[in-house]
Amino acid sequence: MKVQELKKEDLENCANLIIKAYNGRPWNYQWTFSKAMLYLTELFESSRFVGFVIYERGELVGAMFAHVKTWWIDDQLMIDELFVSAQEQGKGYGQTLMNSTKEYANNNNIGSITLMTQKYMPALSFYEKNSFFKAEQYVLMFLETAGLRAPKDIMPLLLLSAVI
């Protein structure tokens, strides 16, 4: 298993993989290929993008999208997405991506790694096992706007992701 730097030519494979990773249980999202491509391309094109992929037997099995943020103390690496194929979870691919992310931060004098995850999903325990902790002083807040296109009955899922 070899981690590689994520390149533009990986984006289509990543879009297909994010659909496989998140459209099933427990997430049950409804990614389309075009939305996934737009989302991941926006992340990829950020000015201080960092990303890694893992291919196994020629097939993409995991990816990590992040960006470096300037902060008043030191730079932070914000993980935007870390996903592994549902069929390949539990085989160490996520851990390998996380280890590469930590190594990148250490080698580039980045003081901290931050991320957002849903507290009712299995990913939380993965991050806690990797020494991440909840920053109790911060609160993630949402405001619905007139531009919200999701049906109103989906908003609680967007915000809470109830245990399935």
C-alpha atoms as a PDB file:
ATOM      1  CA  MET A   1       0.000   0.000   0.000  1.00  0.00           C
ATOM      2  CA  LYS A   2       1.614   3.222  -1.184  1.00  0.00           C
ATOM      3  CA  VAL A   3       0.415   6.749  -0.525  1.00  0.00           C
ATOM      4  CA  GLN A   4       0.795   9.183  -3.410  1.00  0.00           C
ATOM      5  CA  GLU A   5       0.316  12.917  -3.734  1.00  0.00           C
ATOM      6  CA  LEU A   6      -3.182  13.628  -5.062  1.00  0.00           C
ATOM      7  CA  LYS A   7      -3.004  15.030  -8.601  1.00  0.00           C
ATOM      8  CA  LYS A   8      -5.597  16.589 -10.893  1.00  0.00           C
ATOM      9  CA  GLU A   9      -5.897  13.357 -12.871  1.00  0.00           C
ATOM     10  CA  ASP A  10      -7.071  11.611  -9.674  1.00  0.00           C
ATOM     11  CA  LEU A  11     -10.158  13.817  -9.294  1.00  0.00           C
ATOM     12  CA  GLU A  12     -12.567  11.679 -11.352  1.00  0.00           C
ATOM     13  CA  ASN A  13     -11.577   8.566  -9.407  1.00  0.00           C
ATOM     14  CA  CYS A  14     -11.983  10.524  -6.170  1.00  0.00           C
ATOM     15  CA  ALA A  15     -15.456  11.699  -7.228  1.00  0.00           C
ATOM     16  CA  ASN A  16     -16.504   8.117  -7.910  1.00  0.00           C
ATOM     17  CA  LEU A  17     -15.034   7.001  -4.593  1.00  0.00           C
ATOM     18  CA  ILE A  18     -16.693   9.714  -2.486  1.00  0.00           C
ATOM     19  CA  ILE A  19     -20.017   8.558  -3.938  1.00  0.00           C
ATOM     20  CA  LYS A  20     -19.262   4.946  -2.980  1.00  0.00           C
ATOM     21  CA  ALA A  21     -18.039   5.977   0.470  1.00  0.00           C
ATOM     22  CA  TYR A  22     -20.867   8.336   1.434  1.00  0.00           C
ATOM     23  CA  ASN A  23     -23.999   7.363  -0.481  1.00  0.00           C
ATOM     24  CA  GLY A  24     -24.426   4.149   1.498  1.00  0.00           C
ATOM     25  CA  ARG A  25     -24.789   3.386   5.184  1.00  0.00           C
ATOM     26  CA  PRO A  26     -24.226   4.942   7.629  1.00  0.00           C
ATOM     27  CA  TRP A  27     -23.983   8.326   5.839  1.00  0.00           C
ATOM     28  CA  ASN A  28     -26.766   7.904   3.244  1.00  0.00           C
ATOM     29  CA  TYR A  29     -25.805  11.060   1.348  1.00  0.00           C
ATOM     30  CA  GLN A  30     -26.946  11.657  -2.212  1.00  0.00           C
ATOM     31  CA  TRP A  31     -23.810  12.723  -4.058  1.00  0.00           C
ATOM     32  CA  THR A  32     -24.005  12.867  -7.840  1.00  0.00           C
ATOM     33  CA  PHE A  33     -20.886  12.628  -9.957  1.00  0.00           C
ATOM     34  CA  SER A  34     -21.166  16.237 -11.149  1.00  0.00           C
ATOM     35  CA  LYS A  35     -21.595  17.601  -7.602  1.00  0.00           C
ATOM     36  CA  ALA A  36     -18.744  15.453  -6.308  1.00  0.00           C
ATOM     37  CA  MET A  37     -16.466  16.640  -9.121  1.00  0.00           C
ATOM     38  CA  LEU A  38     -17.338  20.279  -8.454  1.00  0.00           C
ATOM     39  CA  TYR A  39     -16.818  19.897  -4.701  1.00  0.00           C
ATOM     40  CA  LEU A  40     -13.501  18.062  -4.936  1.00  0.00           C
ATOM     41  CA  THR A  41     -12.197  20.360  -7.693  1.00  0.00           C
ATOM     42  CA  GLU A  42     -12.952  23.384  -5.499  1.00  0.00           C
ATOM     43  CA  LEU A  43     -10.948  21.784  -2.673  1.00  0.00           C
ATOM     44  CA  PHE A  44      -8.123  20.773  -5.026  1.00  0.00           C
ATOM     45  CA  GLU A  45      -7.827  24.277  -6.474  1.00  0.00           C
ATOM     46  CA  SER A  46      -7.469  26.005  -3.104  1.00  0.00           C
ATOM     47  CA  SER A  47      -4.176  27.901  -2.920  1.00  0.00           C
ATOM     48  CA  ARG A  48      -2.531  25.734  -0.248  1.00  0.00           C
ATOM     49  CA  PHE A  49      -4.086  22.363  -1.078  1.00  0.00           C
ATOM     50  CA  VAL A  50      -2.623  19.151   0.323  1.00  0.00           C
ATOM     51  CA  GLY A  51      -3.941  15.757  -0.731  1.00  0.00           C
ATOM     52  CA  PHE A  52      -3.064  12.090  -0.751  1.00  0.00           C
ATOM     53  CA  VAL A  53      -4.469   8.998  -2.462  1.00  0.00           C
ATOM     54  CA  ILE A  54      -3.969   5.266  -2.120  1.00  0.00           C
ATOM     55  CA  TYR A  55      -4.346   2.923  -5.088  1.00  0.00           C
ATOM     56  CA  GLU A  56      -4.468  -0.823  -4.582  1.00  0.00           C
ATOM     57  CA  ARG A  57      -4.304  -3.146  -7.601  1.00  0.00           C
ATOM     58  CA  GLY A  58      -4.818  -0.086  -9.838  1.00  0.00           C
ATOM     59  CA  GLU A  59      -8.024   1.002  -8.086  1.00  0.00           C
ATOM     60  CA  LEU A  60      -8.424   4.029  -5.823  1.00  0.00           C
ATOM     61  CA  VAL A  61      -9.287   2.904  -2.291  1.00  0.00           C
ATOM     62  CA  GLY A  62      -8.814   6.097  -0.249  1.00  0.00           C
ATOM     63  CA  ALA A  63      -8.189   9.826  -0.431  1.00  0.00           C
ATOM     64  CA  MET A  64      -7.520  12.797   1.818  1.00  0.00           C
ATOM     65  CA  PHE A  65      -8.207  16.434   0.851  1.00  0.00           C
ATOM     66  CA  ALA A  66      -6.894  19.239   3.060  1.00  0.00           C
ATOM     67  CA  HIS A  67      -5.604  22.796   2.965  1.00  0.00           C
ATOM     68  CA  VAL A  68      -3.110  24.786   4.991  1.00  0.00           C
ATOM     69  CA  LYS A  69      -4.526  27.764   6.878  1.00  0.00           C
ATOM     70  CA  THR A  70      -2.566  30.656   8.270  1.00  0.00           C
ATOM     71  CA  TRP A  71      -3.335  31.186  11.938  1.00  0.00           C
ATOM     72  CA  TRP A  72      -1.952  33.714  14.379  1.00  0.00           C
ATOM     73  CA  ILE A  73       0.126  31.123  16.243  1.00  0.00           C
ATOM     74  CA  ASP A  74       1.251  28.905  13.378  1.00  0.00           C
ATOM     75  CA  ASP A  75      -0.113  27.244  10.281  1.00  0.00           C
ATOM     76  CA  GLN A  76      -2.883  24.677  10.602  1.00  0.00           C
ATOM     77  CA  LEU A  77      -3.724  21.813   8.274  1.00  0.00           C
ATOM     78  CA  MET A  78      -7.495  21.568   7.868  1.00  0.00           C
ATOM     79  CA  ILE A  79      -8.664  18.137   6.700  1.00  0.00           C
ATOM     80  CA  ASP A  80     -11.655  18.745   4.450  1.00  0.00           C
ATOM     81  CA  GLU A  81     -12.278  15.122   3.465  1.00  0.00           C
ATOM     82  CA  LEU A  82     -10.800  11.747   4.314  1.00  0.00           C
ATOM     83  CA  PHE A  83     -12.657   8.812   2.803  1.00  0.00           C
ATOM     84  CA  VAL A  84     -12.062   5.148   2.087  1.00  0.00           C
ATOM     85  CA  SER A  85     -14.091   2.787  -0.060  1.00  0.00           C
ATOM     86  CA  ALA A  86     -16.776   1.104   2.055  1.00  0.00           C
ATOM     87  CA  GLN A  87     -15.491  -2.321   0.966  1.00  0.00           C
ATOM     88  CA  GLU A  88     -11.940  -1.437   2.025  1.00  0.00           C
ATOM     89  CA  GLN A  89     -12.631   0.117   5.424  1.00  0.00           C
ATOM     90  CA  GLY A  90     -11.002  -1.527   8.410  1.00  0.00           C
ATOM     91  CA  LYS A  91      -7.960  -2.597   6.382  1.00  0.00           C
ATOM     92  CA  GLY A  92      -5.636   0.230   7.445  1.00  0.00           C
ATOM     93  CA  TYR A  93      -6.074   2.567   4.483  1.00  0.00           C
ATOM     94  CA  GLY A  94      -7.567   5.380   6.555  1.00  0.00           C
ATOM     95  CA  GLN A  95      -4.793   4.981   9.121  1.00  0.00           C
ATOM     96  CA  THR A  96      -2.174   5.104   6.373  1.00  0.00           C
ATOM     97  CA  LEU A  97      -3.695   8.325   4.995  1.00  0.00           C
ATOM     98  CA  MET A  98      -3.787   9.793   8.498  1.00  0.00           C
ATOM     99  CA  ASN A  99      -0.162   8.836   9.136  1.00  0.00           C
ATOM    100  CA  SER A 100       0.876  10.513   5.866  1.00  0.00           C
ATOM    101  CA  THR A 101      -1.088  13.616   6.844  1.00  0.00           C
ATOM    102  CA  LYS A 102       0.621  13.800  10.247  1.00  0.00           C
ATOM    103  CA  GLU A 103       4.015  13.265   8.620  1.00  0.00           C
ATOM    104  CA  TYR A 104       3.319  16.057   6.124  1.00  0.00           C
ATOM    105  CA  ALA A 105       2.359  18.431   8.956  1.00  0.00           C
ATOM    106  CA  ASN A 106       5.492  17.569  10.945  1.00  0.00           C
ATOM    107  CA  ASN A 107       7.796  17.929   7.929  1.00  0.00           C
ATOM    108  CA  ASN A 108       6.296  21.302   6.965  1.00  0.00           C
ATOM    109  CA  ASN A 109       6.290  22.959  10.406  1.00  0.00           C
ATOM    110  CA  ILE A 110       2.504  22.921  10.645  1.00  0.00           C
ATOM    111  CA  GLY A 111       1.495  23.320  14.281  1.00  0.00           C
ATOM    112  CA  SER A 112      -1.860  21.525  14.275  1.00  0.00           C
ATOM    113  CA  ILE A 113      -4.302  19.486  12.239  1.00  0.00           C
ATOM    114  CA  THR A 114      -7.997  20.313  12.456  1.00  0.00           C
ATOM    115  CA  LEU A 115     -11.102  18.686  11.044  1.00  0.00           C
ATOM    116  CA  MET A 116     -14.848  18.477  11.373  1.00  0.00           C
ATOM    117  CA  THR A 117     -16.731  15.210  11.687  1.00  0.00           C
ATOM    118  CA  GLN A 118     -20.180  14.081  12.733  1.00  0.00           C
ATOM    119  CA  LYS A 119     -20.343  12.942  16.317  1.00  0.00           C
ATOM    120  CA  TYR A 120     -22.867  10.160  15.683  1.00  0.00           C
ATOM    121  CA  MET A 121     -20.827   8.449  12.980  1.00  0.00           C
ATOM    122  CA  PRO A 122     -18.021   5.861  13.208  1.00  0.00           C
ATOM    123  CA  ALA A 123     -15.419   8.356  11.976  1.00  0.00           C
ATOM    124  CA  LEU A 124     -15.396  10.074  15.378  1.00  0.00           C
ATOM    125  CA  SER A 125     -13.807   7.095  17.120  1.00  0.00           C
ATOM    126  CA  PHE A 126     -11.238   6.794  14.297  1.00  0.00           C
ATOM    127  CA  TYR A 127     -10.120  10.386  14.871  1.00  0.00           C
ATOM    128  CA  GLU A 128     -10.101   9.968  18.644  1.00  0.00           C
ATOM    129  CA  LYS A 129      -7.859   6.905  18.247  1.00  0.00           C
ATOM    130  CA  ASN A 130      -5.535   9.192  16.289  1.00  0.00           C
ATOM    131  CA  SER A 131      -5.228  11.601  19.238  1.00  0.00           C
ATOM    132  CA  PHE A 132      -7.719  14.195  17.986  1.00  0.00           C
ATOM    133  CA  PHE A 133      -9.832  15.741  20.718  1.00  0.00           C
ATOM    134  CA  LYS A 134     -13.042  17.732  20.773  1.00  0.00           C
ATOM    135  CA  ALA A 135     -12.439  21.461  21.039  1.00  0.00           C
ATOM    136  CA  GLU A 136     -15.218  22.176  23.525  1.00  0.00           C
ATOM    137  CA  GLN A 137     -14.787  25.939  23.221  1.00  0.00           C
ATOM    138  CA  TYR A 138     -15.945  25.893  19.578  1.00  0.00           C
ATOM    139  CA  VAL A 139     -19.468  25.494  18.232  1.00  0.00           C
ATOM    140  CA  LEU A 140     -20.340  24.778  14.614  1.00  0.00           C
ATOM    141  CA  MET A 141     -23.320  26.897  13.651  1.00  0.00           C
ATOM    142  CA  PHE A 142     -25.661  26.827  10.641  1.00  0.00           C
ATOM    143  CA  LEU A 143     -28.100  29.353   9.246  1.00  0.00           C
ATOM    144  CA  GLU A 144     -30.734  28.289   6.738  1.00  0.00           C
ATOM    145  CA  THR A 145     -31.074  30.756   3.868  1.00  0.00           C
ATOM    146  CA  ALA A 146     -33.580  31.292   1.091  1.00  0.00           C
ATOM    147  CA  GLY A 147     -31.075  29.538  -1.182  1.00  0.00           C
ATOM    148  CA  LEU A 148     -31.482  26.213   0.656  1.00  0.00           C
ATOM    149  CA  ARG A 149     -32.538  23.750  -2.020  1.00  0.00           C
ATOM    150  CA  ALA A 150     -32.676  20.638   0.128  1.00  0.00           C
ATOM    151  CA  PRO A 151     -36.156  19.597   1.234  1.00  0.00           C
ATOM    152  CA  LYS A 152     -36.895  20.818   4.755  1.00  0.00           C
ATOM    153  CA  ASP A 153     -37.110  17.246   6.047  1.00  0.00           C
ATOM    154  CA  ILE A 154     -33.446  16.689   5.067  1.00  0.00           C
ATOM    155  CA  MET A 155     -32.102  19.629   7.097  1.00  0.00           C
ATOM    156  CA  PRO A 156     -32.122  17.708  10.411  1.00  0.00           C
ATOM    157  CA  LEU A 157     -30.044  15.013   8.684  1.00  0.00           C
ATOM    158  CA  LEU A 158     -27.621  17.617   7.423  1.00  0.00           C
ATOM    159  CA  LEU A 159     -27.229  19.013  10.905  1.00  0.00           C
ATOM    160  CA  LEU A 160     -27.521  15.992  13.152  1.00  0.00           C
ATOM    161  CA  SER A 161     -26.983  12.848  11.079  1.00  0.00           C
ATOM    162  CA  ALA A 162     -29.081  10.711  13.395  1.00  0.00           C
ATOM    163  CA  VAL A 163     -27.766   7.249  14.178  1.00  0.00           C
ATOM    164  CA  ILE A 164     -29.003   4.719  11.656  1.00  0.00           C
END
